[in-house]
Each structure stands twice: as structure tokens, then as C-alpha cells.
Amino acid sequence: MIRFCGVDFESWLYGFEDTEKSVKGTVEAIINHPLIPNDINVSGFIIDSVTGELTPVQ
């Protein structure tokens, strides 16, 4: 069922090769979604799993 819906479960499970690129793609998808109003600010961050530090993705 998951594959039928277009979700690559193995890729999701193992993470991303380029985290920054992935976050940028997700932010763009949200910004361009037809149900998200244009006046909504969307930001992306990468969290350090050890320190909890957030790094903004431009």
C-alpha cells in the first residue's frame, strides 16, 4: 500500500544523502502547495540530534 501511494519506505527509513537539499525541497513543496496561503511564512531547519541546535536552511 505504501509503495502504491508513491512513498519510498526504504529511502524514508534510511534518511537523506543531502539533508539540506531535502529540507529545501520540502519547504518549496509547502510554499507551492495550493492550500497554503501566500501570506504564510514557511521556514526549514536542520536539528543536531546530539545538541539540539537548530540550523536554518536558506
PDB file of N, CA and C in Angstrom:
ATOM      1  N   MET A   1       0.819  -1.193   0.000  1.00  0.00           N
ATOM      2  CA  MET A   1       0.000   0.000   0.000  1.00  0.00           C
ATOM      3  C   MET A   1       0.866   1.260   0.000  1.00  0.00           C
ATOM      4  N   ILE A   2       1.944   1.236   0.795  1.00  0.00           N
ATOM      5  CA  ILE A   2       2.811   2.412   0.866  1.00  0.00           C
ATOM      6  C   ILE A   2       3.433   2.701  -0.491  1.00  0.00           C
ATOM      7  N   ARG A   3       3.921   1.672  -1.162  1.00  0.00           N
ATOM      8  CA  ARG A   3       4.520   1.879  -2.486  1.00  0.00           C
ATOM      9  C   ARG A   3       3.488   2.379  -3.488  1.00  0.00           C
ATOM     10  N   PHE A   4       2.257   1.907  -3.356  1.00  0.00           N
ATOM     11  CA  PHE A   4       1.176   2.337  -4.244  1.00  0.00           C
ATOM     12  C   PHE A   4       0.942   3.842  -4.111  1.00  0.00           C
ATOM     13  N   CYS A   5       1.149   4.365  -2.910  1.00  0.00           N
ATOM     14  CA  CYS A   5       0.933   5.793  -2.648  1.00  0.00           C
ATOM     15  C   CYS A   5       2.141   6.640  -3.045  1.00  0.00           C
ATOM     16  N   GLY A   6       3.190   6.020  -3.549  1.00  0.00           N
ATOM     17  CA  GLY A   6       4.358   6.759  -4.011  1.00  0.00           C
ATOM     18  C   GLY A   6       5.390   7.045  -2.937  1.00  0.00           C
ATOM     19  N   VAL A   7       5.332   6.341  -1.813  1.00  0.00           N
ATOM     20  CA  VAL A   7       6.290   6.547  -0.732  1.00  0.00           C
ATOM     21  C   VAL A   7       7.391   5.497  -0.835  1.00  0.00           C
ATOM     22  N   ASP A   8       8.639   5.963  -0.909  1.00  0.00           N
ATOM     23  CA  ASP A   8       9.787   5.058  -0.926  1.00  0.00           C
ATOM     24  C   ASP A   8      10.178   4.797   0.526  1.00  0.00           C
ATOM     25  N   PHE A   9       9.625   3.732   1.102  1.00  0.00           N
ATOM     26  CA  PHE A   9       9.791   3.443   2.524  1.00  0.00           C
ATOM     27  C   PHE A   9      11.258   3.235   2.888  1.00  0.00           C
ATOM     28  N   GLU A  10      12.012   2.549   2.058  1.00  0.00           N
ATOM     29  CA  GLU A  10      13.426   2.303   2.367  1.00  0.00           C
ATOM     30  C   GLU A  10      14.208   3.608   2.421  1.00  0.00           C
ATOM     31  N   SER A  11      13.955   4.496   1.474  1.00  0.00           N
ATOM     32  CA  SER A  11      14.627   5.795   1.475  1.00  0.00           C
ATOM     33  C   SER A  11      14.241   6.596   2.709  1.00  0.00           C
ATOM     34  N   TRP A  12      12.963   6.567   3.058  1.00  0.00           N
ATOM     35  CA  TRP A  12      12.480   7.282   4.240  1.00  0.00           C
ATOM     36  C   TRP A  12      13.127   6.724   5.507  1.00  0.00           C
ATOM     37  N   LEU A  13      13.256   5.419   5.585  1.00  0.00           N
ATOM     38  CA  LEU A  13      13.795   4.763   6.764  1.00  0.00           C
ATOM     39  C   LEU A  13      15.275   5.073   6.962  1.00  0.00           C
ATOM     40  N   TYR A  14      16.034   5.136   5.871  1.00  0.00           N
ATOM     41  CA  TYR A  14      17.477   5.332   5.971  1.00  0.00           C
ATOM     42  C   TYR A  14      17.889   6.797   5.984  1.00  0.00           C
ATOM     43  N   GLY A  15      16.990   7.692   5.740  1.00  0.00           N
ATOM     44  CA  GLY A  15      17.315   9.118   5.793  1.00  0.00           C
ATOM     45  C   GLY A  15      17.689   9.671   4.434  1.00  0.00           C
ATOM     46  N   PHE A  16      18.386  10.793   4.462  1.00  0.00           N
ATOM     47  CA  PHE A  16      18.692  11.533   3.247  1.00  0.00           C
ATOM     48  C   PHE A  16      20.194  11.589   3.039  1.00  0.00           C
ATOM     49  N   GLU A  17      20.590  11.598   1.787  1.00  0.00           N
ATOM     50  CA  GLU A  17      22.007  11.772   1.489  1.00  0.00           C
ATOM     51  C   GLU A  17      22.408  13.224   1.709  1.00  0.00           C
ATOM     52  N   ASP A  18      21.525  14.146   1.341  1.00  0.00           N
ATOM     53  CA  ASP A  18      21.794  15.573   1.473  1.00  0.00           C
ATOM     54  C   ASP A  18      20.642  16.201   2.249  1.00  0.00           C
ATOM     55  N   THR A  19      20.825  16.355   3.543  1.00  0.00           N
ATOM     56  CA  THR A  19      19.756  16.846   4.412  1.00  0.00           C
ATOM     57  C   THR A  19      19.312  18.245   4.008  1.00  0.00           C
ATOM     58  N   GLU A  20      20.251  19.120   3.730  1.00  0.00           N
ATOM     59  CA  GLU A  20      19.902  20.494   3.358  1.00  0.00           C
ATOM     60  C   GLU A  20      19.053  20.520   2.089  1.00  0.00           C
ATOM     61  N   LYS A  21      19.439  19.737   1.110  1.00  0.00           N
ATOM     62  CA  LYS A  21      18.676  19.662  -0.138  1.00  0.00           C
ATOM     63  C   LYS A  21      17.262  19.132   0.129  1.00  0.00           C
ATOM     64  N   SER A  22      17.152  18.164   0.994  1.00  0.00           N
ATOM     65  CA  SER A  22      15.853  17.595   1.336  1.00  0.00           C
ATOM     66  C   SER A  22      14.957  18.624   2.023  1.00  0.00           C
ATOM     67  N   VAL A  23      15.523  19.370   2.967  1.00  0.00           N
ATOM     68  CA  VAL A  23      14.747  20.395   3.670  1.00  0.00           C
ATOM     69  C   VAL A  23      14.302  21.476   2.693  1.00  0.00           C
ATOM     70  N   LYS A  24      15.201  21.905   1.815  1.00  0.00           N
ATOM     71  CA  LYS A  24      14.840  22.920   0.816  1.00  0.00           C
ATOM     72  C   LYS A  24      13.694  22.434  -0.061  1.00  0.00           C
ATOM     73  N   GLY A  25      13.746  21.172  -0.475  1.00  0.00           N
ATOM     74  CA  GLY A  25      12.682  20.609  -1.304  1.00  0.00           C
ATOM     75  C   GLY A  25      11.352  20.558  -0.575  1.00  0.00           C
ATOM     76  N   THR A  26      11.393  20.208   0.698  1.00  0.00           N
ATOM     77  CA  THR A  26      10.170  20.154   1.496  1.00  0.00           C
ATOM     78  C   THR A  26       9.587  21.547   1.690  1.00  0.00           C
ATOM     79  N   VAL A  27      10.438  22.521   1.978  1.00  0.00           N
ATOM     80  CA  VAL A  27       9.975  23.903   2.140  1.00  0.00           C
ATOM     81  C   VAL A  27       9.332  24.394   0.844  1.00  0.00           C
ATOM     82  N   GLU A  28       9.968  24.139  -0.277  1.00  0.00           N
ATOM     83  CA  GLU A  28       9.410  24.553  -1.571  1.00  0.00           C
ATOM     84  C   GLU A  28       8.063  23.895  -1.830  1.00  0.00           C
ATOM     85  N   ALA A  29       7.955  22.614  -1.500  1.00  0.00           N
ATOM     86  CA  ALA A  29       6.689  21.899  -1.705  1.00  0.00           C
ATOM     87  C   ALA A  29       5.577  22.515  -0.863  1.00  0.00           C
ATOM     88  N   ILE A  30       5.889  22.884   0.367  1.00  0.00           N
ATOM     89  CA  ILE A  30       4.884  23.501   1.240  1.00  0.00           C
ATOM     90  C   ILE A  30       4.514  24.887   0.729  1.00  0.00           C
ATOM     91  N   ILE A  31       5.512  25.687   0.380  1.00  0.00           N
ATOM     92  CA  ILE A  31       5.260  27.042  -0.122  1.00  0.00           C
ATOM     93  C   ILE A  31       4.387  27.010  -1.369  1.00  0.00           C
ATOM     94  N   ASN A  32       4.628  26.052  -2.248  1.00  0.00           N
ATOM     95  CA  ASN A  32       3.907  25.990  -3.522  1.00  0.00           C
ATOM     96  C   ASN A  32       2.618  25.184  -3.470  1.00  0.00           C
ATOM     97  N   HIS A  33       2.275  24.656  -2.307  1.00  0.00           N
ATOM     98  CA  HIS A  33       1.045  23.869  -2.190  1.00  0.00           C
ATOM     99  C   HIS A  33      -0.161  24.792  -2.346  1.00  0.00           C
ATOM    100  N   PRO A  34      -1.138  24.387  -3.140  1.00  0.00           N
ATOM    101  CA  PRO A  34      -2.283  25.270  -3.405  1.00  0.00           C
ATOM    102  C   PRO A  34      -3.136  25.590  -2.172  1.00  0.00           C
ATOM    103  N   LEU A  35      -3.051  24.813  -1.123  1.00  0.00           N
ATOM    104  CA  LEU A  35      -3.859  25.082   0.067  1.00  0.00           C
ATOM    105  C   LEU A  35      -3.146  25.951   1.108  1.00  0.00           C
ATOM    106  N   ILE A  36      -1.888  26.305   0.848  1.00  0.00           N
ATOM    107  CA  ILE A  36      -1.139  27.158   1.769  1.00  0.00           C
ATOM    108  C   ILE A  36      -1.256  28.604   1.287  1.00  0.00           C
ATOM    109  N   PRO A  37      -1.847  29.488   2.092  1.00  0.00           N
ATOM    110  CA  PRO A  37      -1.976  30.894   1.686  1.00  0.00           C
ATOM    111  C   PRO A  37      -0.609  31.547   1.464  1.00  0.00           C
ATOM    112  N   ASN A  38      -0.566  32.517   0.570  1.00  0.00           N
ATOM    113  CA  ASN A  38       0.692  33.188   0.228  1.00  0.00           C
ATOM    114  C   ASN A  38       1.281  33.991   1.381  1.00  0.00           C
ATOM    115  N   ASP A  39       0.456  34.385   2.352  1.00  0.00           N
ATOM    116  CA  ASP A  39       0.968  35.204   3.445  1.00  0.00           C
ATOM    117  C   ASP A  39       1.492  34.376   4.628  1.00  0.00           C
ATOM    118  N   ILE A  40       1.583  33.071   4.458  1.00  0.00           N
ATOM    119  CA  ILE A  40       2.128  32.192   5.496  1.00  0.00           C
ATOM    120  C   ILE A  40       3.641  32.077   5.312  1.00  0.00           C
ATOM    121  N   ASN A  41       4.393  32.345   6.376  1.00  0.00           N
ATOM    122  CA  ASN A  41       5.849  32.189   6.330  1.00  0.00           C
ATOM    123  C   ASN A  41       6.212  30.729   6.584  1.00  0.00           C
ATOM    124  N   VAL A  42       7.049  30.190   5.722  1.00  0.00           N
ATOM    125  CA  VAL A  42       7.494  28.804   5.855  1.00  0.00           C
ATOM    126  C   VAL A  42       9.013  28.816   5.969  1.00  0.00           C
ATOM    127  N   SER A  43       9.542  28.134   6.970  1.00  0.00           N
ATOM    128  CA  SER A  43      10.985  28.062   7.183  1.00  0.00           C
ATOM    129  C   SER A  43      11.393  26.612   7.380  1.00  0.00           C
ATOM    130  N   GLY A  44      12.640  26.330   7.062  1.00  0.00           N
ATOM    131  CA  GLY A  44      13.170  24.989   7.257  1.00  0.00           C
ATOM    132  C   GLY A  44      14.393  25.026   8.158  1.00  0.00           C
ATOM    133  N   PHE A  45      14.537  23.987   8.958  1.00  0.00           N
ATOM    134  CA  PHE A  45      15.660  23.901   9.887  1.00  0.00           C
ATOM    135  C   PHE A  45      16.201  22.479   9.908  1.00  0.00           C
ATOM    136  N   ILE A  46      17.484  22.368  10.244  1.00  0.00           N
ATOM    137  CA  ILE A  46      18.110  21.075  10.494  1.00  0.00           C
ATOM    138  C   ILE A  46      18.467  21.059  11.974  1.00  0.00           C
ATOM    139  N   ILE A  47      18.076  19.990  12.660  1.00  0.00           N
ATOM    140  CA  ILE A  47      18.362  19.882  14.088  1.00  0.00           C
ATOM    141  C   ILE A  47      19.523  18.915  14.312  1.00  0.00           C
ATOM    142  N   ASP A  48      20.460  19.338  15.135  1.00  0.00           N
ATOM    143  CA  ASP A  48      21.562  18.474  15.537  1.00  0.00           C
ATOM    144  C   ASP A  48      21.011  17.496  16.569  1.00  0.00           C
ATOM    145  N   SER A  49      21.058  16.221  16.275  1.00  0.00           N
ATOM    146  CA  SER A  49      20.444  15.220  17.149  1.00  0.00           C
ATOM    147  C   SER A  49      21.174  15.054  18.483  1.00  0.00           C
ATOM    148  N   VAL A  50      22.382  15.579  18.596  1.00  0.00           N
ATOM    149  CA  VAL A  50      23.132  15.479  19.847  1.00  0.00           C
ATOM    150  C   VAL A  50      22.909  16.716  20.721  1.00  0.00           C
ATOM    151  N   THR A  51      23.060  17.897  20.118  1.00  0.00           N
ATOM    152  CA  THR A  51      22.996  19.136  20.903  1.00  0.00           C
ATOM    153  C   THR A  51      21.619  19.792  20.881  1.00  0.00           C
ATOM    154  N   GLY A  52      20.813  19.455  19.892  1.00  0.00           N
ATOM    155  CA  GLY A  52      19.505  20.093  19.750  1.00  0.00           C
ATOM    156  C   GLY A  52      19.568  21.428  19.030  1.00  0.00           C
ATOM    157  N   GLU A  53      20.760  21.825  18.595  1.00  0.00           N
ATOM    158  CA  GLU A  53      20.918  23.100  17.897  1.00  0.00           C
ATOM    159  C   GLU A  53      20.160  23.076  16.568  1.00  0.00           C
ATOM    160  N   LEU A  54      19.444  24.177  16.299  1.00  0.00           N
ATOM    161  CA  LEU A  54      18.723  24.318  15.039  1.00  0.00           C
ATOM    162  C   LEU A  54      19.531  25.187  14.090  1.00  0.00           C
ATOM    163  N   THR A  55      19.710  24.707  12.864  1.00  0.00           N
ATOM    164  CA  THR A  55      20.394  25.466  11.834  1.00  0.00           C
ATOM    165  C   THR A  55      19.382  25.799  10.749  1.00  0.00           C
ATOM    166  N   PRO A  56      19.140  27.100  10.509  1.00  0.00           N
ATOM    167  CA  PRO A  56      18.176  27.461   9.470  1.00  0.00           C
ATOM    168  C   PRO A  56      18.708  27.098   8.085  1.00  0.00           C
ATOM    169  N   VAL A  57      17.802  26.693   7.227  1.00  0.00           N
ATOM    170  CA  VAL A  57      18.151  26.368   5.844  1.00  0.00           C
ATOM    171  C   VAL A  57      17.586  27.470   4.966  1.00  0.00           C
ATOM    172  N   GLN A  58      18.450  28.115   4.211  1.00  0.00           N
ATOM    173  CA  GLN A  58      18.025  29.226   3.348  1.00  0.00           C
ATOM    174  C   GLN A  58      17.644  28.734   1.979  1.00  0.00           C
TER     175      GLN A  58
END
